[in-house]
Amino acid sequence: MKKILALLALTSLAFTKPQATVSYKVDTQKSTVVWKGKKVTGEHFGNVSLSSGTLTAENGKLKGGTFETDLRTLTVTDLKEQEYNQKLVNHLKGDDFFAVDKHPKSTFVITSVTPQSGNQVQVKGKLTIKGITKEVSFPATVKADKAQLTATAKIPVDRTQYDIKFRSTNFFENLGDKAIHNDFELDINLVANATGSATASR
C-alpha cells in the first residue's frame, strides 16, 4: 500500500506544470502613452514618452511590474498652430500643472493583478506624480508569451489628488466655460520583450 501511495505521489509531481516566471523589458520606442484632458469648451491631447519599464508574468499571466514616464517629453498634438502649441506645452510643464523642472518623472508600480475573463485583468498600483503617490485601479488587456508581452489600458487620473488644481471647480468658483475637468486619461500601449526566465518552481 505504501508503495502504491508513493507511486501516485511521484506521478502527480511528474504531471504538475512548473510555475515559470518570465521578466520583460519595456520597449520604450514601440510603447506609447497618449494623454487627454477635457475642459468645458473642448479637449486637448498629446504624447509623453516612457523612459523605462519592467514587467513579470507567470505562465503567461501578468504578475507585476513598474514603468516610468519622462514628463519633459510631453507634447501637444491637437494644436497645429506652433505658437499656441508651444504656449500650452510650456503651461502644462509649469507649476500650474506638472512642475516638470522639479518633478521630471512620474512612476507607476503594480501592486496586484486580478484575472478577469480572457486576456482581461484588473490592475491596482501606485501612481506617483509631482512626488505624490496615490493608488489607482483600472482594467487592462494583457497578452504574454515566452518572447513578448503586450498590454493596453486607459487609466483615468484625478489630477487634483496630485496638487494640480488649476481651474478646478473643486477649488475655484465662477469659472464658467474656463473650467477644466478634474480627470485626465492616459491611453497606454505597452510592448515588452522577454529578458529571461526565473528558475521554475512547482
Protein backbone atom coordinates (compact mmCIF):
# COMPACT_ATOMS: atom_id res chain seq x y z
CA MET A 1 0.00 0.00 0.00
CA LYS A 2 2.82 2.39 0.88
CA LYS A 3 4.49 1.68 -2.47
CA ILE A 4 1.25 2.47 -4.31
CA LEU A 5 0.84 5.78 -2.46
CA ALA A 6 4.44 6.71 -3.16
CA LEU A 7 3.98 5.91 -6.84
CA LEU A 8 0.83 8.05 -7.01
CA ALA A 9 2.67 10.96 -5.37
CA LEU A 10 5.53 10.75 -7.84
CA THR A 11 3.09 10.55 -10.75
CA SER A 12 1.28 13.66 -9.50
CA LEU A 13 4.54 15.59 -9.30
CA ALA A 14 5.54 14.48 -12.76
CA PHE A 15 2.39 15.95 -14.29
CA THR A 16 2.40 19.19 -12.29
CA LYS A 17 3.41 22.08 -14.54
CA PRO A 18 6.22 24.28 -13.20
CA GLN A 19 5.41 27.91 -12.42
CA ALA A 20 7.68 29.70 -14.91
CA THR A 21 8.21 33.40 -14.22
CA VAL A 22 9.36 35.49 -17.18
CA SER A 23 10.79 39.01 -16.95
CA TYR A 24 10.19 41.56 -19.70
CA LYS A 25 11.79 44.90 -20.53
CA VAL A 26 9.51 47.59 -21.94
CA ASP A 27 10.46 48.72 -25.45
CA THR A 28 10.27 52.49 -24.97
CA GLN A 29 10.38 53.10 -28.73
CA LYS A 30 7.40 50.90 -29.58
CA SER A 31 5.34 51.64 -26.46
CA THR A 32 3.12 54.73 -26.39
CA VAL A 33 1.37 56.89 -23.81
CA VAL A 34 -1.30 59.29 -25.06
CA TRP A 35 -2.79 61.81 -22.62
CA LYS A 36 -6.15 63.50 -22.99
CA GLY A 37 -7.54 66.37 -20.91
CA LYS A 38 -11.00 67.89 -21.21
CA LYS A 39 -12.43 71.30 -20.45
CA VAL A 40 -15.88 72.83 -20.77
CA THR A 41 -15.15 74.15 -24.27
CA GLY A 42 -13.27 71.18 -25.68
CA GLU A 43 -10.23 68.97 -25.12
CA HIS A 44 -6.51 68.70 -25.71
CA PHE A 45 -4.35 65.64 -26.21
CA GLY A 46 -0.78 64.64 -26.92
CA ASN A 47 2.00 62.23 -26.10
CA VAL A 48 4.53 61.55 -23.39
CA SER A 49 7.40 59.05 -23.63
CA LEU A 50 8.23 56.13 -21.39
CA SER A 51 11.80 56.22 -20.12
CA SER A 52 11.92 52.69 -18.66
CA GLY A 53 9.80 49.76 -17.59
CA THR A 54 9.90 46.14 -16.46
CA LEU A 55 7.10 43.57 -16.17
CA THR A 56 6.83 39.99 -14.95
CA ALA A 57 4.42 37.22 -15.92
CA GLU A 58 3.85 33.73 -14.57
CA ASN A 59 2.61 31.11 -17.02
CA GLY A 60 1.57 33.86 -19.40
CA LYS A 61 -0.29 35.89 -16.76
CA LEU A 62 0.81 39.38 -15.69
CA LYS A 63 2.02 39.41 -12.08
CA GLY A 64 3.79 42.71 -11.51
CA GLY A 65 5.94 45.47 -12.86
CA THR A 66 6.77 49.14 -12.94
CA PHE A 67 7.25 51.83 -15.54
CA GLU A 68 8.42 55.42 -15.66
CA THR A 69 7.41 58.31 -17.90
CA ASP A 70 9.57 61.32 -18.72
CA LEU A 71 7.32 64.37 -18.44
CA ARG A 72 9.96 66.50 -20.14
CA THR A 73 8.92 64.80 -23.40
CA LEU A 74 5.28 65.91 -23.11
CA THR A 75 3.82 67.12 -26.40
CA VAL A 76 0.51 68.52 -27.64
CA THR A 77 -0.74 67.05 -30.92
CA ASP A 78 -4.18 68.63 -31.39
CA LEU A 79 -2.96 72.23 -31.85
CA LYS A 80 -1.36 72.80 -35.25
CA GLU A 81 -0.50 76.47 -34.77
CA GLN A 82 3.05 76.37 -33.41
CA GLU A 83 2.74 79.45 -31.19
CA TYR A 84 -0.35 78.18 -29.35
CA ASN A 85 1.01 74.67 -29.25
CA GLN A 86 4.22 75.73 -27.52
CA LYS A 87 2.32 78.00 -25.15
CA LEU A 88 0.18 75.09 -23.96
CA VAL A 89 3.17 72.75 -23.67
CA ASN A 90 5.00 75.29 -21.51
CA HIS A 91 1.92 75.78 -19.35
CA LEU A 92 1.47 72.04 -18.82
CA LYS A 93 5.13 71.71 -17.85
CA GLY A 94 4.89 74.68 -15.48
CA ASP A 95 3.85 74.91 -11.83
CA ASP A 96 0.12 75.17 -12.60
CA PHE A 97 0.25 71.58 -13.82
CA PHE A 98 3.15 69.09 -13.69
CA ALA A 99 6.05 71.27 -12.49
CA VAL A 100 8.41 69.34 -14.74
CA ASP A 101 11.54 71.22 -13.65
CA LYS A 102 11.02 69.94 -10.11
CA HIS A 103 9.40 66.60 -10.94
CA PRO A 104 10.60 65.41 -14.35
CA LYS A 105 9.48 61.79 -13.94
CA SER A 106 6.29 60.00 -12.96
CA THR A 107 6.15 56.33 -12.00
CA PHE A 108 3.63 53.54 -11.73
CA VAL A 109 4.18 50.38 -9.65
CA ILE A 110 1.80 47.43 -9.90
CA THR A 111 0.67 46.13 -6.51
CA SER A 112 -1.84 43.48 -7.61
CA VAL A 113 -3.33 41.91 -10.74
CA THR A 114 -6.72 40.18 -10.66
CA PRO A 115 -7.60 37.95 -13.63
CA GLN A 116 -10.95 38.59 -15.35
CA SER A 117 -12.24 36.85 -18.47
CA GLY A 118 -9.93 36.01 -21.36
CA ASN A 119 -6.99 38.40 -21.56
CA GLN A 120 -8.69 40.94 -19.31
CA VAL A 121 -7.25 41.79 -15.88
CA GLN A 122 -7.89 44.37 -13.18
CA VAL A 123 -4.70 46.18 -12.21
CA LYS A 124 -4.06 48.04 -9.00
CA GLY A 125 -0.98 50.10 -8.35
CA LYS A 126 0.66 53.22 -7.00
CA LEU A 127 0.94 56.21 -9.33
CA THR A 128 3.40 58.97 -8.41
CA ILE A 129 3.10 62.44 -9.94
CA LYS A 130 4.81 65.58 -8.56
CA GLY A 131 6.19 63.46 -5.72
CA ILE A 132 2.68 62.49 -4.58
CA THR A 133 1.70 58.80 -4.59
CA LYS A 134 -1.89 57.59 -4.85
CA GLU A 135 -3.46 54.19 -5.57
CA VAL A 136 -5.26 53.74 -8.87
CA SER A 137 -7.18 50.80 -10.33
CA PHE A 138 -8.13 50.10 -13.94
CA PRO A 139 -8.93 47.27 -16.40
CA ALA A 140 -6.29 46.20 -18.89
CA THR A 141 -5.84 43.76 -21.74
CA VAL A 142 -2.63 41.72 -21.48
CA LYS A 143 -1.12 39.09 -23.76
CA ALA A 144 2.14 37.34 -22.87
CA ASP A 145 4.26 34.51 -24.21
CA LYS A 146 7.88 33.48 -23.81
CA ALA A 147 9.11 36.21 -26.15
CA GLN A 148 6.88 39.25 -25.71
CA LEU A 149 4.22 40.87 -23.54
CA THR A 150 1.76 43.48 -24.77
CA ALA A 151 -0.67 45.44 -22.63
CA THR A 152 -3.25 48.14 -23.31
CA ALA A 153 -5.18 50.22 -20.80
CA LYS A 154 -6.98 53.51 -20.33
CA ILE A 155 -6.16 54.98 -16.92
CA PRO A 156 -8.34 57.79 -15.52
CA VAL A 157 -6.39 60.10 -13.23
CA ASP A 158 -7.85 62.69 -10.86
CA ARG A 159 -5.31 65.50 -11.21
CA THR A 160 -6.46 67.25 -8.03
CA GLN A 161 -5.05 64.37 -5.96
CA TYR A 162 -1.61 65.34 -7.26
CA ASP A 163 -1.86 69.03 -6.36
CA ILE A 164 -2.91 70.06 -9.88
CA LYS A 165 -5.73 72.46 -9.06
CA PHE A 166 -5.64 74.94 -11.95
CA ARG A 167 -9.21 75.90 -12.94
CA SER A 168 -10.71 73.01 -10.97
CA THR A 169 -14.29 73.55 -9.77
CA ASN A 170 -13.29 71.74 -6.58
CA PHE A 171 -11.20 74.74 -5.57
CA PHE A 172 -12.41 77.73 -7.59
CA GLU A 173 -15.85 79.23 -8.07
CA ASN A 174 -17.47 81.00 -11.01
CA LEU A 175 -15.12 79.51 -13.59
CA GLY A 176 -17.88 79.14 -16.17
CA ASP A 177 -16.52 77.93 -19.51
CA LYS A 178 -12.96 78.36 -18.20
CA ALA A 179 -13.26 75.23 -16.02
CA ILE A 180 -11.03 72.23 -16.70
CA HIS A 181 -12.23 68.72 -15.83
CA ASN A 182 -10.51 67.14 -12.85
CA ASP A 183 -9.90 63.81 -14.57
CA PHE A 184 -7.50 63.29 -17.43
CA GLU A 185 -6.88 60.00 -19.23
CA LEU A 186 -3.74 58.05 -20.06
CA ASP A 187 -4.13 55.70 -23.02
CA ILE A 188 -1.27 53.24 -22.67
CA ASN A 189 0.05 50.68 -25.14
CA LEU A 190 3.00 48.68 -23.79
CA VAL A 191 5.29 46.40 -25.78
CA ALA A 192 7.84 44.48 -23.71
CA ASN A 193 10.40 41.87 -24.72
CA ALA A 194 11.44 38.92 -22.59
CA THR A 195 14.82 39.24 -20.92
CA GLY A 196 14.92 35.79 -19.28
CA SER A 197 13.11 33.26 -17.15
CA ALA A 198 13.49 32.76 -13.43
CA THR A 199 14.12 29.25 -12.13
CA ALA A 200 10.91 27.30 -12.50
CA SER A 201 9.23 26.14 -9.31
CA ARG A 202 6.39 23.70 -8.74
